[in-house]
Amino acid sequence: MKTFVVIGLGRFGMAVAKELRLLGHEVLAIDTNPANIQHIADEVTHAAAGDARDEGVLKLLGVQNYDYGIVAVGGDVGDSALIALTLKEIGVKTVICKAQSHIHRRLLEKLGVDRVIFPENEMGVKLAQNLSSSNILNFIELSDTYGMVEISVPLAWVGKTLAGLNVRAKYHVNIIAVRRGEDMHVSPGGEFVLFEGDVAMTVGRDEDINRLHGL
């Protein structure tokens, strides 16, 4: 079980905190609004109303002992930056922060934040990927330039081995796993034969993944 502190209980923060708890992790939720704390109190491990910009408040709540700090504060760039910096300084192992803009992102990265995310941007990318091609089932953004897609194996690939397809040379992507019904074949070898209905987990640069659309 991992331990998470989620700071800022807007829609994004609420969703993250609740889902992490459902997945069996210890979750401390912090927000300045007591109404938000009351709303989520029964769905996380601990919930507290307080000003996360205050290092003393964070230490009193034991935040320094948590594995992950998620800063989901919206609106004020300065507040989220201050909270992220304080989490790093008191010893939270991994700090993840929601950004409002590219400038905000650069600021957070300068402060040493471990991961900066754009929830709306990532959802937009996923939607665009899914709408642009019927064979793309899911898209996960791994970084600014790399992603992973679940792709329904096209008919042109059915009955062929991975070595014969040579997708690394043709498309500059790697198939890291193949889901067949309830079975998952991880790191399939070159002799692995693809069947109709298979789903290939494929990793590569975004521009190369885009070339898989419409296969």
N, C-alpha and C. Protein backbone atom coordinates (compact mmCIF):
# COMPACT_ATOMS: atom_id res chain seq x y z
N MET A 1 0.84 -1.20 0.00
CA MET A 1 0.00 0.00 0.00
C MET A 1 0.88 1.25 0.00
N LYS A 2 0.56 2.18 -0.88
CA LYS A 2 1.28 3.45 -0.95
C LYS A 2 0.51 4.52 -0.17
N THR A 3 1.21 5.59 0.16
CA THR A 3 0.56 6.67 0.90
C THR A 3 0.59 7.95 0.06
N PHE A 4 -0.55 8.62 0.00
CA PHE A 4 -0.72 9.81 -0.82
C PHE A 4 -1.33 10.94 -0.01
N VAL A 5 -0.85 12.15 -0.24
CA VAL A 5 -1.54 13.33 0.26
C VAL A 5 -2.01 14.11 -0.96
N VAL A 6 -3.29 14.43 -1.00
CA VAL A 6 -3.87 15.18 -2.12
C VAL A 6 -4.28 16.54 -1.59
N ILE A 7 -3.71 17.59 -2.17
CA ILE A 7 -3.96 18.95 -1.70
C ILE A 7 -4.74 19.71 -2.77
N GLY A 8 -5.93 20.16 -2.38
CA GLY A 8 -6.81 20.85 -3.32
C GLY A 8 -7.91 19.92 -3.79
N LEU A 9 -9.13 20.18 -3.36
CA LEU A 9 -10.24 19.26 -3.63
C LEU A 9 -11.27 19.87 -4.57
N GLY A 10 -10.78 20.31 -5.73
CA GLY A 10 -11.70 20.62 -6.82
C GLY A 10 -12.12 19.31 -7.47
N ARG A 11 -12.67 19.38 -8.67
CA ARG A 11 -13.11 18.15 -9.33
C ARG A 11 -11.97 17.17 -9.54
N PHE A 12 -10.82 17.70 -9.98
CA PHE A 12 -9.66 16.84 -10.24
C PHE A 12 -9.15 16.21 -8.94
N GLY A 13 -8.91 17.03 -7.93
CA GLY A 13 -8.39 16.53 -6.67
C GLY A 13 -9.33 15.53 -6.01
N MET A 14 -10.62 15.82 -6.05
CA MET A 14 -11.62 14.91 -5.49
C MET A 14 -11.56 13.55 -6.18
N ALA A 15 -11.52 13.57 -7.51
CA ALA A 15 -11.52 12.33 -8.27
C ALA A 15 -10.26 11.51 -7.98
N VAL A 16 -9.10 12.17 -7.93
CA VAL A 16 -7.84 11.47 -7.66
C VAL A 16 -7.86 10.85 -6.27
N ALA A 17 -8.26 11.62 -5.28
CA ALA A 17 -8.27 11.13 -3.90
C ALA A 17 -9.20 9.93 -3.73
N LYS A 18 -10.40 10.03 -4.27
CA LYS A 18 -11.36 8.94 -4.14
C LYS A 18 -10.88 7.67 -4.84
N GLU A 19 -10.33 7.83 -6.03
CA GLU A 19 -9.90 6.66 -6.79
C GLU A 19 -8.71 5.98 -6.14
N LEU A 20 -7.78 6.77 -5.61
CA LEU A 20 -6.63 6.18 -4.92
C LEU A 20 -7.07 5.38 -3.70
N ARG A 21 -8.06 5.89 -2.99
CA ARG A 21 -8.56 5.16 -1.82
C ARG A 21 -9.27 3.88 -2.26
N LEU A 22 -10.04 3.95 -3.34
CA LEU A 22 -10.72 2.76 -3.85
C LEU A 22 -9.71 1.69 -4.26
N LEU A 23 -8.54 2.12 -4.69
CA LEU A 23 -7.49 1.19 -5.11
C LEU A 23 -6.71 0.64 -3.93
N GLY A 24 -7.10 1.05 -2.73
CA GLY A 24 -6.53 0.45 -1.53
C GLY A 24 -5.38 1.19 -0.89
N HIS A 25 -5.13 2.42 -1.32
CA HIS A 25 -4.02 3.19 -0.76
C HIS A 25 -4.47 4.09 0.39
N GLU A 26 -3.52 4.49 1.20
CA GLU A 26 -3.81 5.45 2.27
C GLU A 26 -3.80 6.85 1.68
N VAL A 27 -4.87 7.60 1.93
CA VAL A 27 -5.01 8.92 1.32
C VAL A 27 -5.37 9.96 2.38
N LEU A 28 -4.55 11.02 2.42
CA LEU A 28 -4.85 12.19 3.23
C LEU A 28 -5.28 13.30 2.28
N ALA A 29 -6.48 13.84 2.47
CA ALA A 29 -6.99 14.93 1.63
C ALA A 29 -6.96 16.22 2.42
N ILE A 30 -6.43 17.28 1.80
CA ILE A 30 -6.33 18.58 2.47
C ILE A 30 -6.94 19.66 1.59
N ASP A 31 -7.72 20.54 2.20
CA ASP A 31 -8.31 21.66 1.46
C ASP A 31 -8.61 22.78 2.45
N THR A 32 -8.64 24.00 1.96
CA THR A 32 -8.96 25.12 2.85
C THR A 32 -10.45 25.23 3.14
N ASN A 33 -11.27 24.58 2.31
CA ASN A 33 -12.72 24.68 2.43
C ASN A 33 -13.27 23.52 3.27
N PRO A 34 -13.78 23.79 4.46
CA PRO A 34 -14.32 22.71 5.31
C PRO A 34 -15.43 21.92 4.64
N ALA A 35 -16.20 22.56 3.74
CA ALA A 35 -17.28 21.85 3.06
C ALA A 35 -16.72 20.74 2.17
N ASN A 36 -15.61 21.01 1.52
CA ASN A 36 -14.98 19.97 0.69
C ASN A 36 -14.47 18.82 1.53
N ILE A 37 -13.92 19.14 2.70
CA ILE A 37 -13.44 18.11 3.61
C ILE A 37 -14.60 17.24 4.10
N GLN A 38 -15.69 17.87 4.45
CA GLN A 38 -16.87 17.13 4.91
C GLN A 38 -17.40 16.22 3.81
N HIS A 39 -17.32 16.69 2.57
CA HIS A 39 -17.84 15.93 1.43
C HIS A 39 -17.04 14.65 1.19
N ILE A 40 -15.73 14.72 1.43
CA ILE A 40 -14.87 13.58 1.07
C ILE A 40 -14.44 12.75 2.28
N ALA A 41 -14.73 13.20 3.47
CA ALA A 41 -14.19 12.58 4.69
C ALA A 41 -14.42 11.07 4.77
N ASP A 42 -15.57 10.62 4.34
CA ASP A 42 -15.89 9.19 4.45
C ASP A 42 -15.31 8.36 3.31
N GLU A 43 -14.67 9.02 2.35
CA GLU A 43 -14.18 8.29 1.17
C GLU A 43 -12.66 8.25 1.06
N VAL A 44 -11.97 8.81 2.05
CA VAL A 44 -10.51 8.73 2.11
C VAL A 44 -10.10 8.29 3.51
N THR A 45 -8.81 8.05 3.71
CA THR A 45 -8.34 7.60 5.02
C THR A 45 -8.40 8.72 6.05
N HIS A 46 -7.90 9.89 5.66
CA HIS A 46 -7.90 11.06 6.54
C HIS A 46 -8.25 12.29 5.70
N ALA A 47 -8.90 13.25 6.32
CA ALA A 47 -9.23 14.50 5.64
C ALA A 47 -9.08 15.64 6.64
N ALA A 48 -8.46 16.73 6.18
CA ALA A 48 -8.22 17.83 7.10
C ALA A 48 -8.36 19.17 6.39
N ALA A 49 -8.98 20.13 7.09
CA ALA A 49 -9.08 21.49 6.57
C ALA A 49 -7.87 22.26 7.06
N GLY A 50 -7.16 22.91 6.14
CA GLY A 50 -5.98 23.67 6.55
C GLY A 50 -5.32 24.33 5.36
N ASP A 51 -4.42 25.24 5.65
CA ASP A 51 -3.70 25.99 4.63
C ASP A 51 -2.40 25.26 4.32
N ALA A 52 -2.36 24.59 3.17
CA ALA A 52 -1.19 23.79 2.81
C ALA A 52 0.01 24.65 2.44
N ARG A 53 -0.16 25.96 2.35
CA ARG A 53 0.98 26.85 2.10
C ARG A 53 1.83 27.00 3.36
N ASP A 54 1.27 26.61 4.50
CA ASP A 54 1.94 26.75 5.79
C ASP A 54 2.68 25.45 6.10
N GLU A 55 4.00 25.52 6.14
CA GLU A 55 4.81 24.34 6.41
C GLU A 55 4.45 23.70 7.74
N GLY A 56 4.13 24.54 8.73
CA GLY A 56 3.76 24.03 10.04
C GLY A 56 2.52 23.17 10.00
N VAL A 57 1.54 23.57 9.19
CA VAL A 57 0.31 22.79 9.04
C VAL A 57 0.62 21.43 8.43
N LEU A 58 1.43 21.44 7.40
CA LEU A 58 1.78 20.18 6.73
C LEU A 58 2.52 19.23 7.67
N LYS A 59 3.45 19.77 8.43
CA LYS A 59 4.21 18.92 9.35
C LYS A 59 3.32 18.40 10.48
N LEU A 60 2.40 19.23 10.95
CA LEU A 60 1.48 18.80 11.99
C LEU A 60 0.62 17.64 11.52
N LEU A 61 0.28 17.63 10.24
CA LEU A 61 -0.52 16.55 9.66
C LEU A 61 0.32 15.33 9.27
N GLY A 62 1.64 15.45 9.43
CA GLY A 62 2.51 14.32 9.12
C GLY A 62 2.74 14.11 7.63
N VAL A 63 2.55 15.15 6.83
CA VAL A 63 2.66 15.02 5.38
C VAL A 63 4.06 14.56 4.96
N GLN A 64 5.09 14.93 5.74
CA GLN A 64 6.46 14.56 5.40
C GLN A 64 6.69 13.06 5.36
N ASN A 65 5.77 12.31 5.93
CA ASN A 65 5.91 10.84 5.97
C ASN A 65 5.22 10.14 4.80
N TYR A 66 4.60 10.90 3.91
CA TYR A 66 3.86 10.30 2.80
C TYR A 66 4.78 10.05 1.59
N ASP A 67 4.43 9.02 0.82
CA ASP A 67 5.22 8.67 -0.37
C ASP A 67 5.03 9.67 -1.50
N TYR A 68 3.79 10.12 -1.69
CA TYR A 68 3.46 10.99 -2.82
C TYR A 68 2.67 12.20 -2.35
N GLY A 69 3.01 13.35 -2.91
CA GLY A 69 2.22 14.55 -2.69
C GLY A 69 1.65 15.01 -4.02
N ILE A 70 0.33 15.14 -4.08
CA ILE A 70 -0.34 15.57 -5.31
C ILE A 70 -0.94 16.95 -5.08
N VAL A 71 -0.43 17.92 -5.81
CA VAL A 71 -0.90 19.30 -5.67
C VAL A 71 -1.91 19.57 -6.76
N ALA A 72 -3.18 19.63 -6.36
CA ALA A 72 -4.28 19.80 -7.32
C ALA A 72 -4.95 21.16 -7.15
N VAL A 73 -4.20 22.10 -6.58
CA VAL A 73 -4.73 23.44 -6.34
C VAL A 73 -4.96 24.14 -7.66
N GLY A 74 -6.12 24.73 -7.83
CA GLY A 74 -6.43 25.42 -9.07
C GLY A 74 -6.36 26.92 -8.89
N GLY A 75 -6.27 27.63 -10.00
CA GLY A 75 -6.36 29.08 -9.95
C GLY A 75 -5.04 29.79 -9.75
N ASP A 76 -4.53 29.82 -8.54
CA ASP A 76 -3.36 30.63 -8.21
C ASP A 76 -2.07 29.84 -8.45
N VAL A 77 -1.30 30.29 -9.44
CA VAL A 77 -0.04 29.63 -9.78
C VAL A 77 0.94 29.71 -8.62
N GLY A 78 0.97 30.86 -7.96
CA GLY A 78 1.89 31.04 -6.83
C GLY A 78 1.61 30.08 -5.70
N ASP A 79 0.32 29.85 -5.40
CA ASP A 79 -0.04 28.94 -4.31
C ASP A 79 0.44 27.52 -4.61
N SER A 80 0.17 27.05 -5.83
CA SER A 80 0.56 25.67 -6.15
C SER A 80 2.07 25.52 -6.15
N ALA A 81 2.79 26.55 -6.63
CA ALA A 81 4.25 26.50 -6.63
C ALA A 81 4.79 26.47 -5.21
N LEU A 82 4.23 27.29 -4.33
CA LEU A 82 4.67 27.34 -2.94
C LEU A 82 4.42 26.01 -2.23
N ILE A 83 3.25 25.44 -2.47
CA ILE A 83 2.91 24.16 -1.84
C ILE A 83 3.85 23.06 -2.35
N ALA A 84 4.09 23.03 -3.66
CA ALA A 84 4.97 22.02 -4.24
C ALA A 84 6.38 22.15 -3.66
N LEU A 85 6.88 23.37 -3.56
CA LEU A 85 8.21 23.60 -3.02
C LEU A 85 8.29 23.16 -1.56
N THR A 86 7.25 23.47 -0.80
CA THR A 86 7.23 23.08 0.61
C THR A 86 7.22 21.57 0.77
N LEU A 87 6.46 20.88 -0.07
CA LEU A 87 6.42 19.41 -0.01
C LEU A 87 7.81 18.84 -0.27
N LYS A 88 8.52 19.40 -1.26
CA LYS A 88 9.87 18.93 -1.55
C LYS A 88 10.80 19.19 -0.37
N GLU A 89 10.68 20.36 0.22
CA GLU A 89 11.59 20.74 1.30
C GLU A 89 11.39 19.93 2.57
N ILE A 90 10.15 19.50 2.84
CA ILE A 90 9.92 18.73 4.08
C ILE A 90 10.15 17.24 3.88
N GLY A 91 10.45 16.83 2.64
CA GLY A 91 10.87 15.45 2.43
C GLY A 91 9.88 14.50 1.80
N VAL A 92 8.79 15.00 1.20
CA VAL A 92 7.87 14.10 0.48
C VAL A 92 8.64 13.51 -0.70
N LYS A 93 8.59 12.20 -0.85
CA LYS A 93 9.45 11.51 -1.82
C LYS A 93 9.16 11.92 -3.26
N THR A 94 7.89 11.94 -3.64
CA THR A 94 7.52 12.26 -5.02
C THR A 94 6.42 13.30 -5.01
N VAL A 95 6.64 14.39 -5.74
CA VAL A 95 5.66 15.47 -5.81
C VAL A 95 5.13 15.58 -7.23
N ILE A 96 3.81 15.52 -7.35
CA ILE A 96 3.13 15.61 -8.64
C ILE A 96 2.22 16.83 -8.58
N CYS A 97 2.25 17.65 -9.63
CA CYS A 97 1.51 18.90 -9.56
C CYS A 97 0.71 19.15 -10.84
N LYS A 98 -0.50 19.62 -10.66
CA LYS A 98 -1.36 20.01 -11.77
C LYS A 98 -0.96 21.41 -12.23
N ALA A 99 -0.75 21.57 -13.54
CA ALA A 99 -0.35 22.87 -14.09
C ALA A 99 -1.50 23.50 -14.85
N GLN A 100 -1.50 24.82 -14.87
CA GLN A 100 -2.53 25.58 -15.57
C GLN A 100 -2.08 26.05 -16.94
N SER A 101 -0.76 26.12 -17.15
CA SER A 101 -0.22 26.63 -18.41
C SER A 101 1.20 26.13 -18.59
N HIS A 102 1.76 26.37 -19.76
CA HIS A 102 3.14 25.95 -20.01
C HIS A 102 4.12 26.75 -19.16
N ILE A 103 3.81 28.02 -18.91
CA ILE A 103 4.65 28.83 -18.03
C ILE A 103 4.63 28.26 -16.62
N HIS A 104 3.44 27.91 -16.16
CA HIS A 104 3.28 27.28 -14.85
C HIS A 104 4.08 25.99 -14.78
N ARG A 105 4.03 25.22 -15.85
CA ARG A 105 4.76 23.96 -15.90
C ARG A 105 6.27 24.18 -15.77
N ARG A 106 6.79 25.16 -16.51
CA ARG A 106 8.22 25.43 -16.45
C ARG A 106 8.64 25.85 -15.04
N LEU A 107 7.80 26.64 -14.40
CA LEU A 107 8.08 27.08 -13.03
C LEU A 107 8.15 25.88 -12.09
N LEU A 108 7.18 24.99 -12.20
CA LEU A 108 7.14 23.81 -11.34
C LEU A 108 8.35 22.90 -11.57
N GLU A 109 8.73 22.75 -12.82
CA GLU A 109 9.89 21.92 -13.14
C GLU A 109 11.17 22.53 -12.57
N LYS A 110 11.26 23.87 -12.60
CA LYS A 110 12.42 24.55 -12.02
C LYS A 110 12.50 24.30 -10.51
N LEU A 111 11.34 24.10 -9.89
CA LEU A 111 11.29 23.87 -8.45
C LEU A 111 11.61 22.42 -8.09
N GLY A 112 11.75 21.57 -9.10
CA GLY A 112 12.09 20.17 -8.85
C GLY A 112 10.91 19.24 -8.70
N VAL A 113 9.72 19.68 -9.15
CA VAL A 113 8.54 18.81 -9.10
C VAL A 113 8.80 17.58 -9.97
N ASP A 114 8.46 16.40 -9.46
CA ASP A 114 8.79 15.16 -10.15
C ASP A 114 7.96 14.93 -11.41
N ARG A 115 6.69 15.36 -11.37
CA ARG A 115 5.86 15.20 -12.55
C ARG A 115 4.83 16.32 -12.58
N VAL A 116 4.68 16.93 -13.75
CA VAL A 116 3.69 17.98 -13.95
C VAL A 116 2.68 17.49 -14.98
N ILE A 117 1.40 17.66 -14.67
CA ILE A 117 0.37 17.15 -15.57
C ILE A 117 -0.62 18.25 -15.97
N PHE A 118 -1.18 18.09 -17.17
CA PHE A 118 -2.26 18.94 -17.66
C PHE A 118 -3.47 18.03 -17.82
N PRO A 119 -4.34 17.90 -16.83
CA PRO A 119 -5.47 16.97 -16.94
C PRO A 119 -6.32 17.20 -18.17
N GLU A 120 -6.67 18.47 -18.45
CA GLU A 120 -7.53 18.76 -19.59
C GLU A 120 -6.81 18.42 -20.89
N ASN A 121 -5.51 18.74 -20.97
CA ASN A 121 -4.74 18.46 -22.17
C ASN A 121 -4.65 16.96 -22.42
N GLU A 122 -4.37 16.20 -21.36
CA GLU A 122 -4.23 14.76 -21.52
C GLU A 122 -5.55 14.12 -21.96
N MET A 123 -6.65 14.59 -21.39
CA MET A 123 -7.94 14.06 -21.80
C MET A 123 -8.26 14.44 -23.24
N GLY A 124 -7.86 15.65 -23.63
CA GLY A 124 -8.07 16.09 -25.00
C GLY A 124 -7.29 15.25 -25.98
N VAL A 125 -6.05 14.92 -25.63
CA VAL A 125 -5.23 14.08 -26.51
C VAL A 125 -5.86 12.69 -26.65
N LYS A 126 -6.32 12.14 -25.52
CA LYS A 126 -6.94 10.82 -25.56
C LYS A 126 -8.18 10.82 -26.46
N LEU A 127 -9.00 11.85 -26.30
CA LEU A 127 -10.22 11.94 -27.09
C LEU A 127 -9.89 12.06 -28.58
N ALA A 128 -8.92 12.91 -28.91
CA ALA A 128 -8.54 13.09 -30.31
C ALA A 128 -8.00 11.79 -30.91
N GLN A 129 -7.18 11.10 -30.14
CA GLN A 129 -6.64 9.83 -30.61
C GLN A 129 -7.75 8.82 -30.87
N ASN A 130 -8.70 8.74 -29.94
CA ASN A 130 -9.78 7.77 -30.08
C ASN A 130 -10.72 8.10 -31.23
N LEU A 131 -11.00 9.39 -31.43
CA LEU A 131 -11.92 9.78 -32.48
C LEU A 131 -11.31 9.67 -33.87
N SER A 132 -9.98 9.82 -33.94
CA SER A 132 -9.34 9.86 -35.25
C SER A 132 -9.24 8.49 -35.90
N SER A 133 -9.35 7.44 -35.14
CA SER A 133 -9.22 6.10 -35.73
C SER A 133 -9.97 5.08 -34.90
N SER A 134 -10.69 4.22 -35.57
CA SER A 134 -11.48 3.22 -34.86
C SER A 134 -10.62 2.12 -34.27
N ASN A 135 -9.35 1.99 -34.72
CA ASN A 135 -8.52 0.91 -34.20
C ASN A 135 -7.73 1.31 -32.95
N ILE A 136 -7.76 2.61 -32.58
CA ILE A 136 -7.11 3.06 -31.36
C ILE A 136 -8.12 2.98 -30.22
N LEU A 137 -7.84 2.09 -29.24
CA LEU A 137 -8.78 1.86 -28.15
C LEU A 137 -8.49 2.76 -26.95
N ASN A 138 -7.23 3.05 -26.73
CA ASN A 138 -6.87 3.87 -25.58
C ASN A 138 -5.51 4.50 -25.81
N PHE A 139 -5.30 5.69 -25.27
CA PHE A 139 -4.03 6.38 -25.40
C PHE A 139 -3.59 6.87 -24.03
N ILE A 140 -2.33 6.62 -23.70
CA ILE A 140 -1.76 7.07 -22.43
C ILE A 140 -0.54 7.92 -22.75
N GLU A 141 -0.56 9.17 -22.28
CA GLU A 141 0.57 10.06 -22.51
C GLU A 141 1.64 9.76 -21.48
N LEU A 142 2.82 9.32 -21.94
CA LEU A 142 3.92 8.99 -21.04
C LEU A 142 4.82 10.19 -20.77
N SER A 143 4.92 11.08 -21.75
CA SER A 143 5.71 12.30 -21.61
C SER A 143 5.25 13.26 -22.68
N ASP A 144 5.99 14.35 -22.85
CA ASP A 144 5.64 15.32 -23.88
C ASP A 144 5.71 14.72 -25.28
N THR A 145 6.59 13.74 -25.47
CA THR A 145 6.82 13.21 -26.82
C THR A 145 6.50 11.74 -26.98
N TYR A 146 6.32 11.01 -25.88
CA TYR A 146 6.07 9.58 -25.97
C TYR A 146 4.69 9.22 -25.43
N GLY A 147 4.11 8.18 -26.00
CA GLY A 147 2.83 7.69 -25.54
C GLY A 147 2.70 6.19 -25.71
N MET A 148 1.64 5.64 -25.15
CA MET A 148 1.33 4.22 -25.33
C MET A 148 -0.11 4.10 -25.79
N VAL A 149 -0.34 3.27 -26.80
CA VAL A 149 -1.71 3.06 -27.28
C VAL A 149 -2.06 1.59 -27.21
N GLU A 150 -3.34 1.34 -27.01
CA GLU A 150 -3.90 0.01 -27.20
C GLU A 150 -4.54 0.03 -28.58
N ILE A 151 -4.07 -0.81 -29.47
CA ILE A 151 -4.55 -0.81 -30.85
C ILE A 151 -5.13 -2.17 -31.21
N SER A 152 -6.34 -2.15 -31.74
CA SER A 152 -6.92 -3.39 -32.25
C SER A 152 -6.09 -3.85 -33.44
N VAL A 153 -5.64 -5.08 -33.40
CA VAL A 153 -4.77 -5.57 -34.47
C VAL A 153 -5.49 -5.47 -35.82
N PRO A 154 -4.94 -4.72 -36.78
CA PRO A 154 -5.58 -4.60 -38.09
C PRO A 154 -5.57 -5.91 -38.86
N LEU A 155 -6.52 -6.06 -39.77
CA LEU A 155 -6.63 -7.30 -40.53
C LEU A 155 -5.35 -7.62 -41.28
N ALA A 156 -4.62 -6.59 -41.69
CA ALA A 156 -3.38 -6.81 -42.44
C ALA A 156 -2.30 -7.47 -41.58
N TRP A 157 -2.46 -7.39 -40.25
CA TRP A 157 -1.47 -7.99 -39.35
C TRP A 157 -1.87 -9.40 -38.91
N VAL A 158 -3.13 -9.78 -39.10
CA VAL A 158 -3.64 -11.07 -38.61
C VAL A 158 -2.92 -12.22 -39.32
N GLY A 159 -2.47 -13.19 -38.52
CA GLY A 159 -1.80 -14.36 -39.06
C GLY A 159 -0.32 -14.18 -39.28
N LYS A 160 0.19 -12.99 -38.96
CA LYS A 160 1.61 -12.72 -39.17
C LYS A 160 2.36 -12.69 -37.84
N THR A 161 3.64 -13.00 -37.90
CA THR A 161 4.45 -12.93 -36.69
C THR A 161 4.94 -11.50 -36.48
N LEU A 162 5.34 -11.21 -35.24
CA LEU A 162 5.86 -9.88 -34.95
C LEU A 162 7.15 -9.62 -35.72
N ALA A 163 7.96 -10.67 -35.88
CA ALA A 163 9.19 -10.52 -36.65
C ALA A 163 8.89 -10.21 -38.11
N GLY A 164 7.87 -10.88 -38.64
CA GLY A 164 7.50 -10.65 -40.03
C GLY A 164 6.94 -9.25 -40.26
N LEU A 165 6.20 -8.75 -39.28
CA LEU A 165 5.63 -7.39 -39.40
C LEU A 165 6.71 -6.32 -39.25
N ASN A 166 7.66 -6.57 -38.33
CA ASN A 166 8.78 -5.65 -38.12
C ASN A 166 8.30 -4.21 -37.92
N VAL A 167 7.37 -4.04 -36.97
CA VAL A 167 6.79 -2.71 -36.76
C VAL A 167 7.83 -1.70 -36.27
N ARG A 168 8.87 -2.19 -35.61
CA ARG A 168 9.90 -1.25 -35.12
C ARG A 168 10.58 -0.55 -36.29
N ALA A 169 10.87 -1.29 -37.35
CA ALA A 169 11.53 -0.70 -38.51
C ALA A 169 10.55 0.11 -39.36
N LYS A 170 9.31 -0.38 -39.49
CA LYS A 170 8.34 0.28 -40.38
C LYS A 170 7.71 1.51 -39.73
N TYR A 171 7.40 1.41 -38.43
CA TYR A 171 6.65 2.48 -37.78
C TYR A 171 7.41 3.12 -36.61
N HIS A 172 8.58 2.57 -36.26
CA HIS A 172 9.40 3.10 -35.17
C HIS A 172 8.68 3.05 -33.82
N VAL A 173 7.88 2.00 -33.63
CA VAL A 173 7.20 1.77 -32.36
C VAL A 173 7.51 0.35 -31.89
N ASN A 174 7.23 0.08 -30.63
CA ASN A 174 7.48 -1.25 -30.06
C ASN A 174 6.20 -1.84 -29.49
N ILE A 175 5.92 -3.09 -29.79
CA ILE A 175 4.79 -3.81 -29.19
C ILE A 175 5.32 -4.47 -27.93
N ILE A 176 4.84 -4.00 -26.77
CA ILE A 176 5.36 -4.50 -25.50
C ILE A 176 4.49 -5.60 -24.89
N ALA A 177 3.25 -5.73 -25.37
CA ALA A 177 2.36 -6.78 -24.86
C ALA A 177 1.19 -6.94 -25.83
N VAL A 178 0.56 -8.10 -25.77
CA VAL A 178 -0.62 -8.37 -26.58
C VAL A 178 -1.69 -8.98 -25.69
N ARG A 179 -2.86 -8.37 -25.68
CA ARG A 179 -3.99 -8.91 -24.91
C ARG A 179 -4.86 -9.74 -25.84
N ARG A 180 -5.10 -10.98 -25.44
CA ARG A 180 -5.94 -11.89 -26.22
C ARG A 180 -7.02 -12.44 -25.29
N GLY A 181 -8.22 -11.85 -25.40
CA GLY A 181 -9.28 -12.23 -24.49
C GLY A 181 -8.90 -11.85 -23.07
N GLU A 182 -8.90 -12.83 -22.17
CA GLU A 182 -8.53 -12.59 -20.78
C GLU A 182 -7.04 -12.74 -20.54
N ASP A 183 -6.30 -13.20 -21.55
CA ASP A 183 -4.87 -13.45 -21.38
C ASP A 183 -4.04 -12.27 -21.84
N MET A 184 -2.95 -12.01 -21.11
CA MET A 184 -2.02 -10.95 -21.47
C MET A 184 -0.65 -11.57 -21.75
N HIS A 185 -0.14 -11.36 -22.95
CA HIS A 185 1.17 -11.88 -23.34
C HIS A 185 2.15 -10.71 -23.29
N VAL A 186 3.00 -10.71 -22.27
CA VAL A 186 3.95 -9.62 -22.06
C VAL A 186 5.27 -9.92 -22.76
N SER A 187 5.83 -8.92 -23.41
CA SER A 187 7.09 -9.05 -24.16
C SER A 187 7.07 -10.24 -25.11
N PRO A 188 6.09 -10.29 -26.01
CA PRO A 188 6.02 -11.41 -26.95
C PRO A 188 7.24 -11.44 -27.87
N GLY A 189 7.71 -12.65 -28.18
CA GLY A 189 8.88 -12.80 -29.05
C GLY A 189 8.55 -12.59 -30.50
N GLY A 190 9.58 -12.61 -31.34
CA GLY A 190 9.40 -12.39 -32.77
C GLY A 190 8.53 -13.43 -33.44
N GLU A 191 8.48 -14.63 -32.86
CA GLU A 191 7.69 -15.71 -33.46
C GLU A 191 6.21 -15.65 -33.08
N PHE A 192 5.84 -14.70 -32.22
CA PHE A 192 4.45 -14.59 -31.77
C PHE A 192 3.55 -14.22 -32.95
N VAL A 193 2.46 -15.00 -33.12
CA VAL A 193 1.53 -14.79 -34.23
C VAL A 193 0.31 -14.02 -33.73
N LEU A 194 -0.07 -13.00 -34.45
CA LEU A 194 -1.22 -12.19 -34.08
C LEU A 194 -2.51 -12.78 -34.63
N PHE A 195 -3.56 -12.75 -33.80
CA PHE A 195 -4.87 -13.26 -34.19
C PHE A 195 -5.85 -12.10 -34.32
N GLU A 196 -6.93 -12.34 -35.04
CA GLU A 196 -8.01 -11.36 -35.11
C GLU A 196 -8.60 -11.16 -33.72
N GLY A 197 -8.82 -9.94 -33.33
CA GLY A 197 -9.36 -9.64 -32.00
C GLY A 197 -8.29 -9.33 -30.98
N ASP A 198 -7.01 -9.56 -31.32
CA ASP A 198 -5.92 -9.22 -30.40
C ASP A 198 -5.83 -7.70 -30.22
N VAL A 199 -5.34 -7.29 -29.06
CA VAL A 199 -5.09 -5.88 -28.79
C VAL A 199 -3.61 -5.73 -28.47
N ALA A 200 -2.91 -4.90 -29.24
CA ALA A 200 -1.47 -4.71 -29.07
C ALA A 200 -1.18 -3.46 -28.26
N MET A 201 -0.38 -3.60 -27.21
CA MET A 201 0.07 -2.46 -26.41
C MET A 201 1.35 -1.93 -27.06
N THR A 202 1.27 -0.73 -27.58
CA THR A 202 2.35 -0.21 -28.43
C THR A 202 2.89 1.10 -27.86
N VAL A 203 4.22 1.22 -27.79
CA VAL A 203 4.88 2.40 -27.24
C VAL A 203 5.74 3.05 -28.31
N GLY A 204 5.72 4.38 -28.34
CA GLY A 204 6.56 5.11 -29.29
C GLY A 204 6.37 6.60 -29.18
N ARG A 205 7.05 7.33 -30.04
CA ARG A 205 6.86 8.78 -30.12
C ARG A 205 5.47 9.08 -30.65
N ASP A 206 4.92 10.20 -30.22
CA ASP A 206 3.56 10.56 -30.61
C ASP A 206 3.40 10.59 -32.13
N GLU A 207 4.40 11.17 -32.83
CA GLU A 207 4.26 11.27 -34.28
C GLU A 207 4.30 9.91 -34.96
N ASP A 208 5.02 8.96 -34.36
CA ASP A 208 5.06 7.61 -34.94
C ASP A 208 3.77 6.85 -34.62
N ILE A 209 3.26 7.06 -33.40
CA ILE A 209 1.97 6.43 -33.05
C ILE A 209 0.87 6.91 -33.98
N ASN A 210 0.92 8.18 -34.35
CA ASN A 210 -0.09 8.71 -35.25
C ASN A 210 -0.12 8.00 -36.59
N ARG A 211 1.00 7.42 -36.97
CA ARG A 211 1.07 6.70 -38.25
C ARG A 211 0.30 5.37 -38.20
N LEU A 212 -0.05 4.94 -36.98
CA LEU A 212 -0.81 3.69 -36.85
C LEU A 212 -2.29 3.90 -37.11
N HIS A 213 -2.75 5.14 -37.16
CA HIS A 213 -4.16 5.41 -37.39
C HIS A 213 -4.58 4.91 -38.76
N GLY A 214 -5.70 4.24 -38.76
CA GLY A 214 -6.29 3.82 -40.04
C GLY A 214 -5.68 2.58 -40.64
N LEU A 215 -4.78 1.88 -39.89
CA LEU A 215 -4.20 0.64 -40.44
C LEU A 215 -5.27 -0.43 -40.59
